[in-house]
Each structure stands twice: as C-alpha cells, then as structure tokens.
All heavy atoms as atom14 arrays in JSON, in Angstrom:
{
  "sequence": "QFPDQRLPLSEYYDPDPATPDKTYGTRGAFIDGFQFDWINRRVPKK",
  "atom14_mask": [
    [1, 1, 1, 1, 1, 1, 1, 1, 1, 0, 0, 0, 0, 0],
    [1, 1, 1, 1, 1, 1, 1, 1, 1, 1, 1, 0, 0, 0],
    [1, 1, 1, 1, 1, 1, 1, 0, 0, 0, 0, 0, 0, 0],
    [1, 1, 1, 1, 1, 1, 1, 1, 0, 0, 0, 0, 0, 0],
    [1, 1, 1, 1, 1, 1, 1, 1, 1, 0, 0, 0, 0, 0],
    [1, 1, 1, 1, 1, 1, 1, 1, 1, 1, 1, 0, 0, 0],
    [1, 1, 1, 1, 1, 1, 1, 1, 0, 0, 0, 0, 0, 0],
    [1, 1, 1, 1, 1, 1, 1, 0, 0, 0, 0, 0, 0, 0],
    [1, 1, 1, 1, 1, 1, 1, 1, 0, 0, 0, 0, 0, 0],
    [1, 1, 1, 1, 1, 1, 0, 0, 0, 0, 0, 0, 0, 0],
    [1, 1, 1, 1, 1, 1, 1, 1, 1, 0, 0, 0, 0, 0],
    [1, 1, 1, 1, 1, 1, 1, 1, 1, 1, 1, 1, 0, 0],
    [1, 1, 1, 1, 1, 1, 1, 1, 1, 1, 1, 1, 0, 0],
    [1, 1, 1, 1, 1, 1, 1, 1, 0, 0, 0, 0, 0, 0],
    [1, 1, 1, 1, 1, 1, 1, 0, 0, 0, 0, 0, 0, 0],
    [1, 1, 1, 1, 1, 1, 1, 1, 0, 0, 0, 0, 0, 0],
    [1, 1, 1, 1, 1, 1, 1, 0, 0, 0, 0, 0, 0, 0],
    [1, 1, 1, 1, 1, 0, 0, 0, 0, 0, 0, 0, 0, 0],
    [1, 1, 1, 1, 1, 1, 1, 0, 0, 0, 0, 0, 0, 0],
    [1, 1, 1, 1, 1, 1, 1, 0, 0, 0, 0, 0, 0, 0],
    [1, 1, 1, 1, 1, 1, 1, 1, 0, 0, 0, 0, 0, 0],
    [1, 1, 1, 1, 1, 1, 1, 1, 1, 0, 0, 0, 0, 0],
    [1, 1, 1, 1, 1, 1, 1, 0, 0, 0, 0, 0, 0, 0],
    [1, 1, 1, 1, 1, 1, 1, 1, 1, 1, 1, 1, 0, 0],
    [1, 1, 1, 1, 0, 0, 0, 0, 0, 0, 0, 0, 0, 0],
    [1, 1, 1, 1, 1, 1, 1, 0, 0, 0, 0, 0, 0, 0],
    [1, 1, 1, 1, 1, 1, 1, 1, 1, 1, 1, 0, 0, 0],
    [1, 1, 1, 1, 0, 0, 0, 0, 0, 0, 0, 0, 0, 0],
    [1, 1, 1, 1, 1, 0, 0, 0, 0, 0, 0, 0, 0, 0],
    [1, 1, 1, 1, 1, 1, 1, 1, 1, 1, 1, 0, 0, 0],
    [1, 1, 1, 1, 1, 1, 1, 1, 0, 0, 0, 0, 0, 0],
    [1, 1, 1, 1, 1, 1, 1, 1, 0, 0, 0, 0, 0, 0],
    [1, 1, 1, 1, 0, 0, 0, 0, 0, 0, 0, 0, 0, 0],
    [1, 1, 1, 1, 1, 1, 1, 1, 1, 1, 1, 0, 0, 0],
    [1, 1, 1, 1, 1, 1, 1, 1, 1, 0, 0, 0, 0, 0],
    [1, 1, 1, 1, 1, 1, 1, 1, 1, 1, 1, 0, 0, 0],
    [1, 1, 1, 1, 1, 1, 1, 1, 0, 0, 0, 0, 0, 0],
    [1, 1, 1, 1, 1, 1, 1, 1, 1, 1, 1, 1, 1, 1],
    [1, 1, 1, 1, 1, 1, 1, 1, 0, 0, 0, 0, 0, 0],
    [1, 1, 1, 1, 1, 1, 1, 1, 0, 0, 0, 0, 0, 0],
    [1, 1, 1, 1, 1, 1, 1, 1, 1, 1, 1, 0, 0, 0],
    [1, 1, 1, 1, 1, 1, 1, 1, 1, 1, 1, 0, 0, 0],
    [1, 1, 1, 1, 1, 1, 1, 0, 0, 0, 0, 0, 0, 0],
    [1, 1, 1, 1, 1, 1, 1, 0, 0, 0, 0, 0, 0, 0],
    [1, 1, 1, 1, 1, 1, 1, 1, 1, 0, 0, 0, 0, 0],
    [1, 1, 1, 1, 1, 1, 1, 1, 1, 0, 0, 0, 0, 0]
  ],
  "atom14_positions": [
    [[-17.76, 25.63, -45.59], [-18.85, 24.8, -45.07], [-19.35, 23.84, -46.15], [-19.37, 24.16, -47.33], [-20.0, 25.69, -44.6], [-21.18, 24.93, -44.0], [-22.21, 25.85, -43.39], [-21.9, 26.59, -42.46], [-23.43, 25.81, -43.9], [0.0, 0.0, 0.0], [0.0, 0.0, 0.0], [0.0, 0.0, 0.0], [0.0, 0.0, 0.0], [0.0, 0.0, 0.0]],
    [[-19.75, 22.67, -45.7], [-20.3, 21.68, -46.62], [-21.52, 22.25, -47.35], [-22.45, 22.72, -46.71], [-20.72, 20.41, -45.87], [-19.67, 19.36, -45.83], [-18.75, 19.34, -44.79], [-19.59, 18.4, -46.83], [-17.76, 18.37, -44.75], [-18.61, 17.43, -46.8], [-17.69, 17.4, -45.76], [0.0, 0.0, 0.0], [0.0, 0.0, 0.0], [0.0, 0.0, 0.0]],
    [[-21.52, 22.2, -48.68], [-22.74, 22.58, -49.39], [-23.81, 21.51, -49.23], [-23.5, 20.33, -49.03], [-22.27, 22.68, -50.85], [-21.08, 21.79, -50.94], [-20.42, 21.83, -49.59], [0.0, 0.0, 0.0], [0.0, 0.0, 0.0], [0.0, 0.0, 0.0], [0.0, 0.0, 0.0], [0.0, 0.0, 0.0], [0.0, 0.0, 0.0], [0.0, 0.0, 0.0]],
    [[-25.06, 21.92, -49.33], [-26.16, 20.97, -49.13], [-26.13, 19.83, -50.15], [-26.57, 18.71, -49.85], [-27.51, 21.69, -49.23], [-27.83, 22.48, -47.98], [-27.16, 22.25, -46.95], [-28.73, 23.34, -48.03], [0.0, 0.0, 0.0], [0.0, 0.0, 0.0], [0.0, 0.0, 0.0], [0.0, 0.0, 0.0], [0.0, 0.0, 0.0], [0.0, 0.0, 0.0]],
    [[-25.56, 20.1, -51.35], [-25.5, 19.05, -52.36], [-24.58, 17.92, -51.97], [-24.72, 16.79, -52.46], [-25.04, 19.63, -53.71], [-25.96, 20.67, -54.31], [-25.63, 22.07, -53.84], [-25.06, 22.27, -52.78], [-26.0, 23.06, -54.66], [0.0, 0.0, 0.0], [0.0, 0.0, 0.0], [0.0, 0.0, 0.0], [0.0, 0.0, 0.0], [0.0, 0.0, 0.0]],
    [[-23.63, 18.2, -51.08], [-22.69, 17.17, -50.66], [-23.07, 16.58, -49.31], [-22.97, 15.37, -49.09], [-21.26, 17.76, -50.57], [-20.71, 18.31, -51.87], [-20.61, 17.26, -52.97], [-19.69, 16.19, -52.61], [-18.37, 16.24, -52.83], [-17.83, 17.32, -53.39], [-17.59, 15.22, -52.51], [0.0, 0.0, 0.0], [0.0, 0.0, 0.0], [0.0, 0.0, 0.0]],
    [[-23.46, 17.43, -48.37], [-23.89, 16.95, -47.05], [-24.8, 18.01, -46.43], [-24.31, 19.02, -45.93], [-22.68, 16.7, -46.14], [-23.05, 16.04, -44.8], [-23.26, 14.54, -44.99], [-21.94, 16.26, -43.77], [0.0, 0.0, 0.0], [0.0, 0.0, 0.0], [0.0, 0.0, 0.0], [0.0, 0.0, 0.0], [0.0, 0.0, 0.0], [0.0, 0.0, 0.0]],
    [[-26.11, 17.8, -46.45], [-27.02, 18.77, -45.82], [-26.85, 18.75, -44.3], [-27.28, 17.82, -43.62], [-28.41, 18.28, -46.24], [-28.24, 16.83, -46.6], [-26.84, 16.69, -47.09], [0.0, 0.0, 0.0], [0.0, 0.0, 0.0], [0.0, 0.0, 0.0], [0.0, 0.0, 0.0], [0.0, 0.0, 0.0], [0.0, 0.0, 0.0], [0.0, 0.0, 0.0]],
    [[-26.22, 19.78, -43.78], [-25.92, 19.82, -42.35], [-27.19, 19.86, -41.5], [-27.18, 19.42, -40.34], [-25.05, 21.04, -42.04], [-23.64, 21.01, -42.66], [-22.9, 22.31, -42.36], [-22.84, 19.82, -42.13], [0.0, 0.0, 0.0], [0.0, 0.0, 0.0], [0.0, 0.0, 0.0], [0.0, 0.0, 0.0], [0.0, 0.0, 0.0], [0.0, 0.0, 0.0]],
    [[-28.27, 20.35, -42.07], [-29.52, 20.38, -41.31], [-29.99, 18.97, -40.96], [-30.76, 18.79, -40.0], [-30.6, 21.09, -42.12], [-30.84, 20.43, -43.36], [0.0, 0.0, 0.0], [0.0, 0.0, 0.0], [0.0, 0.0, 0.0], [0.0, 0.0, 0.0], [0.0, 0.0, 0.0], [0.0, 0.0, 0.0], [0.0, 0.0, 0.0], [0.0, 0.0, 0.0]],
    [[-29.52, 17.98, -41.69], [-29.93, 16.6, -41.46], [-28.85, 15.75, -40.81], [-29.16, 14.74, -40.18], [-30.35, 15.96, -42.79], [-31.52, 16.64, -43.46], [-31.88, 16.0, -44.8], [-31.44, 14.86, -45.04], [-32.58, 16.64, -45.59], [0.0, 0.0, 0.0], [0.0, 0.0, 0.0], [0.0, 0.0, 0.0], [0.0, 0.0, 0.0], [0.0, 0.0, 0.0]],
    [[-27.59, 16.16, -40.95], [-26.5, 15.29, -40.49], [-25.6, 15.91, -39.43], [-24.7, 15.24, -38.93], [-25.64, 14.87, -41.68], [-26.31, 13.86, -42.58], [-26.84, 14.24, -43.79], [-26.41, 12.53, -42.19], [-27.48, 13.32, -44.62], [-27.03, 11.6, -43.01], [-27.56, 12.0, -44.22], [-28.18, 11.09, -45.03], [0.0, 0.0, 0.0], [0.0, 0.0, 0.0]],
    [[-25.81, 17.16, -39.06], [-24.91, 17.81, -38.1], [-25.48, 17.78, -36.7], [-26.68, 18.0, -36.48], [-24.66, 19.27, -38.5], [-23.96, 20.07, -37.42], [-22.6, 19.9, -37.17], [-24.69, 20.96, -36.63], [-21.97, 20.62, -36.17], [-24.06, 21.69, -35.63], [-22.7, 21.5, -35.39], [-22.08, 22.2, -34.4], [0.0, 0.0, 0.0], [0.0, 0.0, 0.0]],
    [[-24.61, 17.52, -35.75], [-24.93, 17.69, -34.33], [-23.62, 17.96, -33.6], [-22.64, 17.25, -33.8], [-25.6, 16.44, -33.75], [-26.23, 16.71, -32.39], [-25.47, 16.88, -31.41], [-27.47, 16.77, -32.32], [0.0, 0.0, 0.0], [0.0, 0.0, 0.0], [0.0, 0.0, 0.0], [0.0, 0.0, 0.0], [0.0, 0.0, 0.0], [0.0, 0.0, 0.0]],
    [[-23.57, 18.99, -32.76], [-22.32, 19.33, -32.07], [-21.87, 18.27, -31.06], [-20.7, 18.25, -30.67], [-22.64, 20.65, -31.37], [-24.14, 20.66, -31.23], [-24.65, 19.94, -32.43], [0.0, 0.0, 0.0], [0.0, 0.0, 0.0], [0.0, 0.0, 0.0], [0.0, 0.0, 0.0], [0.0, 0.0, 0.0], [0.0, 0.0, 0.0], [0.0, 0.0, 0.0]],
    [[-22.79, 17.41, -30.66], [-22.44, 16.36, -29.7], [-21.86, 15.16, -30.45], [-22.57, 14.5, -31.22], [-23.69, 15.94, -28.93], [-23.38, 14.89, -27.85], [-22.21, 14.49, -27.74], [-24.33, 14.49, -27.16], [0.0, 0.0, 0.0], [0.0, 0.0, 0.0], [0.0, 0.0, 0.0], [0.0, 0.0, 0.0], [0.0, 0.0, 0.0], [0.0, 0.0, 0.0]],
    [[-20.58, 14.84, -30.25], [-19.97, 13.72, -30.98], [-20.64, 12.38, -30.71], [-20.5, 11.46, -31.52], [-18.52, 13.72, -30.46], [-18.29, 15.09, -29.94], [-19.61, 15.54, -29.4], [0.0, 0.0, 0.0], [0.0, 0.0, 0.0], [0.0, 0.0, 0.0], [0.0, 0.0, 0.0], [0.0, 0.0, 0.0], [0.0, 0.0, 0.0], [0.0, 0.0, 0.0]],
    [[-21.39, 12.27, -29.62], [-22.0, 10.99, -29.26], [-23.36, 10.78, -29.92], [-23.92, 9.69, -29.84], [-22.16, 10.9, -27.75], [0.0, 0.0, 0.0], [0.0, 0.0, 0.0], [0.0, 0.0, 0.0], [0.0, 0.0, 0.0], [0.0, 0.0, 0.0], [0.0, 0.0, 0.0], [0.0, 0.0, 0.0], [0.0, 0.0, 0.0], [0.0, 0.0, 0.0]],
    [[-23.89, 11.8, -30.57], [-25.2, 11.65, -31.21], [-25.13, 10.64, -32.35], [-24.3, 10.77, -33.24], [-25.69, 13.0, -31.76], [-25.75, 13.95, -30.7], [-27.07, 12.85, -32.38], [0.0, 0.0, 0.0], [0.0, 0.0, 0.0], [0.0, 0.0, 0.0], [0.0, 0.0, 0.0], [0.0, 0.0, 0.0], [0.0, 0.0, 0.0], [0.0, 0.0, 0.0]],
    [[-25.97, 9.62, -32.32], [-25.9, 8.58, -33.37], [-26.15, 9.15, -34.77], [-27.0, 10.03, -34.96], [-27.02, 7.61, -32.97], [-27.25, 7.85, -31.51], [-26.98, 9.31, -31.31], [0.0, 0.0, 0.0], [0.0, 0.0, 0.0], [0.0, 0.0, 0.0], [0.0, 0.0, 0.0], [0.0, 0.0, 0.0], [0.0, 0.0, 0.0], [0.0, 0.0, 0.0]],
    [[-25.39, 8.65, -35.73], [-25.6, 8.93, -37.16], [-25.46, 10.42, -37.51], [-26.02, 10.89, -38.51], [-26.98, 8.44, -37.61], [-27.17, 6.96, -37.35], [-26.17, 6.22, -37.37], [-28.32, 6.54, -37.11], [0.0, 0.0, 0.0], [0.0, 0.0, 0.0], [0.0, 0.0, 0.0], [0.0, 0.0, 0.0], [0.0, 0.0, 0.0], [0.0, 0.0, 0.0]],
    [[-24.7, 11.15, -36.7], [-24.46, 12.57, -36.96], [-22.96, 12.85, -36.93], [-22.17, 12.09, -36.37], [-25.15, 13.44, -35.91], [-26.66, 13.23, -35.78], [-27.41, 13.84, -36.94], [-28.91, 13.72, -36.71], [-29.71, 14.35, -37.8], [0.0, 0.0, 0.0], [0.0, 0.0, 0.0], [0.0, 0.0, 0.0], [0.0, 0.0, 0.0], [0.0, 0.0, 0.0]],
    [[-22.57, 13.98, -37.53], [-21.18, 14.43, -37.49], [-21.12, 15.82, -36.89], [-22.04, 16.63, -37.07], [-20.54, 14.44, -38.88], [-19.19, 14.96, -38.78], [-21.32, 15.32, -39.86], [0.0, 0.0, 0.0], [0.0, 0.0, 0.0], [0.0, 0.0, 0.0], [0.0, 0.0, 0.0], [0.0, 0.0, 0.0], [0.0, 0.0, 0.0], [0.0, 0.0, 0.0]],
    [[-20.05, 16.09, -36.16], [-19.86, 17.42, -35.6], [-19.0, 18.29, -36.51], [-18.8, 19.47, -36.26], [-19.21, 17.33, -34.21], [-17.89, 16.59, -34.2], [-16.69, 17.22, -34.51], [-17.86, 15.23, -33.9], [-15.49, 16.53, -34.51], [-16.66, 14.53, -33.89], [-15.48, 15.19, -34.2], [-14.29, 14.51, -34.22], [0.0, 0.0, 0.0], [0.0, 0.0, 0.0]],
    [[-18.48, 17.71, -37.59], [-17.69, 18.48, -38.55], [-18.6, 19.22, -39.52], [-19.61, 18.7, -39.99], [0.0, 0.0, 0.0], [0.0, 0.0, 0.0], [0.0, 0.0, 0.0], [0.0, 0.0, 0.0], [0.0, 0.0, 0.0], [0.0, 0.0, 0.0], [0.0, 0.0, 0.0], [0.0, 0.0, 0.0], [0.0, 0.0, 0.0], [0.0, 0.0, 0.0]],
    [[-18.24, 20.45, -39.86], [-19.08, 21.26, -40.74], [-18.36, 21.73, -42.0], [-18.99, 22.29, -42.89], [-19.58, 22.51, -40.0], [-18.46, 23.32, -39.59], [-20.41, 22.12, -38.78], [0.0, 0.0, 0.0], [0.0, 0.0, 0.0], [0.0, 0.0, 0.0], [0.0, 0.0, 0.0], [0.0, 0.0, 0.0], [0.0, 0.0, 0.0], [0.0, 0.0, 0.0]],
    [[-17.04, 21.52, -42.07], [-16.28, 22.07, -43.2], [-15.51, 20.99, -43.94], [-15.2, 19.93, -43.4], [-15.31, 23.15, -42.72], [-15.98, 24.43, -42.29], [-14.96, 25.46, -41.86], [-14.27, 25.05, -40.63], [-13.16, 25.63, -40.17], [-12.62, 26.63, -40.84], [-12.61, 25.21, -39.07], [0.0, 0.0, 0.0], [0.0, 0.0, 0.0], [0.0, 0.0, 0.0]],
    [[-15.19, 21.3, -45.19], [-14.38, 20.42, -46.03], [-13.66, 21.25, -47.07], [-13.79, 22.48, -47.13], [0.0, 0.0, 0.0], [0.0, 0.0, 0.0], [0.0, 0.0, 0.0], [0.0, 0.0, 0.0], [0.0, 0.0, 0.0], [0.0, 0.0, 0.0], [0.0, 0.0, 0.0], [0.0, 0.0, 0.0], [0.0, 0.0, 0.0], [0.0, 0.0, 0.0]],
    [[-12.88, 20.58, -47.91], [-12.22, 21.22, -49.05], [-12.66, 20.47, -50.3], [-12.47, 19.26, -50.39], [-10.69, 21.17, -48.89], [0.0, 0.0, 0.0], [0.0, 0.0, 0.0], [0.0, 0.0, 0.0], [0.0, 0.0, 0.0], [0.0, 0.0, 0.0], [0.0, 0.0, 0.0], [0.0, 0.0, 0.0], [0.0, 0.0, 0.0], [0.0, 0.0, 0.0]],
    [[-13.24, 21.2, -51.26], [-13.97, 20.55, -52.34], [-13.43, 20.93, -53.72], [-12.97, 22.05, -53.94], [-15.46, 20.93, -52.28], [-16.05, 20.76, -50.93], [-16.2, 21.84, -50.06], [-16.46, 19.52, -50.47], [-16.74, 21.71, -48.8], [-16.99, 19.35, -49.21], [-17.14, 20.44, -48.37], [0.0, 0.0, 0.0], [0.0, 0.0, 0.0], [0.0, 0.0, 0.0]],
    [[-13.51, 19.97, -54.63], [-13.23, 20.22, -56.04], [-14.48, 20.8, -56.68], [-15.57, 20.26, -56.53], [-12.8, 18.92, -56.74], [-11.4, 18.51, -56.28], [-12.83, 19.09, -58.25], [-10.94, 17.2, -56.87], [0.0, 0.0, 0.0], [0.0, 0.0, 0.0], [0.0, 0.0, 0.0], [0.0, 0.0, 0.0], [0.0, 0.0, 0.0], [0.0, 0.0, 0.0]],
    [[-14.31, 21.89, -57.4], [-15.45, 22.53, -58.08], [-15.29, 22.44, -59.59], [-14.18, 22.51, -60.13], [-15.54, 24.01, -57.69], [-15.91, 24.21, -56.24], [-16.78, 23.48, -55.76], [-15.31, 25.09, -55.6], [0.0, 0.0, 0.0], [0.0, 0.0, 0.0], [0.0, 0.0, 0.0], [0.0, 0.0, 0.0], [0.0, 0.0, 0.0], [0.0, 0.0, 0.0]],
    [[-16.41, 22.32, -60.27], [-16.46, 22.56, -61.69], [-15.93, 21.48, -62.61], [-15.79, 21.73, -63.81], [0.0, 0.0, 0.0], [0.0, 0.0, 0.0], [0.0, 0.0, 0.0], [0.0, 0.0, 0.0], [0.0, 0.0, 0.0], [0.0, 0.0, 0.0], [0.0, 0.0, 0.0], [0.0, 0.0, 0.0], [0.0, 0.0, 0.0], [0.0, 0.0, 0.0]],
    [[-15.63, 20.29, -62.1], [-15.11, 19.26, -63.01], [-16.23, 18.7, -63.87], [-17.27, 18.28, -63.38], [-14.46, 18.12, -62.23], [-14.08, 16.95, -63.12], [-13.04, 17.07, -64.02], [-14.8, 15.77, -63.08], [-12.7, 16.02, -64.86], [-14.48, 14.71, -63.9], [-13.42, 14.83, -64.8], [0.0, 0.0, 0.0], [0.0, 0.0, 0.0], [0.0, 0.0, 0.0]],
    [[-16.0, 18.71, -65.19], [-16.91, 18.1, -66.14], [-16.08, 17.28, -67.13], [-15.16, 17.8, -67.76], [-17.73, 19.16, -66.89], [-18.76, 19.86, -66.01], [-19.64, 20.81, -66.81], [-19.23, 21.34, -67.84], [-20.86, 21.02, -66.34], [0.0, 0.0, 0.0], [0.0, 0.0, 0.0], [0.0, 0.0, 0.0], [0.0, 0.0, 0.0], [0.0, 0.0, 0.0]],
    [[-16.42, 16.02, -67.24], [-15.68, 15.15, -68.13], [-16.13, 15.35, -69.57], [-17.33, 15.3, -69.88], [-15.88, 13.69, -67.72], [-15.15, 12.71, -68.58], [-13.76, 12.71, -68.63], [-15.85, 11.8, -69.35], [-13.08, 11.8, -69.43], [-15.18, 10.88, -70.14], [-13.79, 10.89, -70.19], [0.0, 0.0, 0.0], [0.0, 0.0, 0.0], [0.0, 0.0, 0.0]],
    [[-15.17, 15.6, -70.46], [-15.46, 15.83, -71.87], [-15.61, 14.5, -72.59], [-14.73, 14.06, -73.34], [-14.35, 16.68, -72.49], [-14.69, 17.13, -73.91], [-15.78, 16.8, -74.4], [-13.84, 17.82, -74.52], [0.0, 0.0, 0.0], [0.0, 0.0, 0.0], [0.0, 0.0, 0.0], [0.0, 0.0, 0.0], [0.0, 0.0, 0.0], [0.0, 0.0, 0.0]],
    [[-16.74, 13.85, -72.37], [-16.93, 12.5, -72.92], [-17.1, 12.51, -74.43], [-16.79, 11.51, -75.1], [-18.13, 11.84, -72.26], [-19.42, 12.59, -72.38], [-19.88, 13.57, -71.54], [-20.41, 12.44, -73.39], [-21.09, 14.04, -71.97], [-21.46, 13.35, -73.11], [-20.54, 11.61, -74.51], [-22.59, 13.47, -73.89], [-21.67, 11.7, -75.3], [-22.68, 12.63, -75.0]],
    [[-17.54, 13.61, -74.99], [-17.75, 13.67, -76.43], [-16.41, 13.64, -77.17], [-16.17, 12.8, -78.05], [-18.55, 14.93, -76.82], [-19.96, 14.86, -76.22], [-18.62, 15.07, -78.34], [-20.8, 16.1, -76.49], [0.0, 0.0, 0.0], [0.0, 0.0, 0.0], [0.0, 0.0, 0.0], [0.0, 0.0, 0.0], [0.0, 0.0, 0.0], [0.0, 0.0, 0.0]],
    [[-15.5, 14.55, -76.8], [-14.2, 14.6, -77.48], [-13.34, 13.38, -77.16], [-12.46, 13.01, -77.96], [-13.45, 15.88, -77.11], [-14.04, 17.1, -77.79], [-14.57, 17.0, -78.89], [-13.96, 18.24, -77.14], [0.0, 0.0, 0.0], [0.0, 0.0, 0.0], [0.0, 0.0, 0.0], [0.0, 0.0, 0.0], [0.0, 0.0, 0.0], [0.0, 0.0, 0.0]],
    [[-13.6, 12.77, -76.02], [-12.83, 11.56, -75.69], [-13.5, 10.29, -76.21], [-13.01, 9.19, -75.99], [-12.62, 11.48, -74.17], [-11.8, 12.64, -73.62], [-11.39, 12.43, -72.19], [-10.68, 13.58, -71.66], [-9.41, 13.85, -71.88], [-8.69, 13.02, -72.63], [-8.83, 14.91, -71.37], [0.0, 0.0, 0.0], [0.0, 0.0, 0.0], [0.0, 0.0, 0.0]],
    [[-14.65, 10.48, -76.85], [-15.35, 9.39, -77.53], [-15.7, 8.25, -76.57], [-15.51, 7.07, -76.87], [-14.53, 8.88, -78.72], [-14.28, 9.94, -79.77], [-13.55, 9.39, -80.97], [-13.36, 10.44, -81.97], [-12.75, 10.26, -83.14], [-12.27, 9.06, -83.47], [-12.62, 11.27, -83.99], [0.0, 0.0, 0.0], [0.0, 0.0, 0.0], [0.0, 0.0, 0.0]],
    [[-16.22, 8.65, -75.43], [-16.72, 7.68, -74.46], [-18.24, 7.72, -74.53], [-18.84, 8.8, -74.43], [-16.24, 8.01, -73.03], [-16.82, 7.02, -72.03], [-14.72, 8.03, -72.96], [0.0, 0.0, 0.0], [0.0, 0.0, 0.0], [0.0, 0.0, 0.0], [0.0, 0.0, 0.0], [0.0, 0.0, 0.0], [0.0, 0.0, 0.0], [0.0, 0.0, 0.0]],
    [[-18.91, 6.6, -74.7], [-20.37, 6.6, -74.79], [-21.03, 7.21, -73.56], [-20.6, 6.98, -72.43], [-20.72, 5.11, -74.92], [-19.48, 4.48, -75.46], [-18.34, 5.25, -74.88], [0.0, 0.0, 0.0], [0.0, 0.0, 0.0], [0.0, 0.0, 0.0], [0.0, 0.0, 0.0], [0.0, 0.0, 0.0], [0.0, 0.0, 0.0], [0.0, 0.0, 0.0]],
    [[-22.05, 8.0, -73.79], [-22.76, 8.66, -72.69], [-23.31, 7.63, -71.71], [-23.3, 7.86, -70.49], [-23.9, 9.51, -73.25], [-24.67, 10.3, -72.19], [-23.79, 11.38, -71.56], [-24.61, 12.46, -70.86], [-25.47, 11.94, -69.81], [0.0, 0.0, 0.0], [0.0, 0.0, 0.0], [0.0, 0.0, 0.0], [0.0, 0.0, 0.0], [0.0, 0.0, 0.0]],
    [[-23.78, 6.52, -72.2], [-24.31, 5.47, -71.34], [-23.24, 4.96, -70.39], [-23.52, 4.7, -69.21], [-24.83, 4.33, -72.22], [-25.28, 3.1, -71.47], [-25.86, 2.09, -72.44], [-24.79, 1.56, -73.4], [-23.75, 0.75, -72.72], [0.0, 0.0, 0.0], [0.0, 0.0, 0.0], [0.0, 0.0, 0.0], [0.0, 0.0, 0.0], [0.0, 0.0, 0.0]]
  ]
}
C-alpha cells in the first residue's frame, strides 16, 4: 500500500474511477532507503 509520505490515500483515494482528482489504485512498488553520499562524492550540499 502507498505510504502516506508518497500518497496519502485518505486524501486521494476513491473506489469510483469517475471521481474527479482521485485514484482507485492503492498499491505500488517502492525504492526504500536510498541516501546519496554527497560528502564522499564531493558534491556541495546546496
């Protein structure tokens, strides 16, 4: 199920496909835990 950080279903889900500005889909496949090592790669934080 979509986590709230990506798509809060309480605000965007509706089982009726015709409901404006809503989606009937509730699941996805997500990448977890990626953090870019900007320090060792010497990329400015800004």
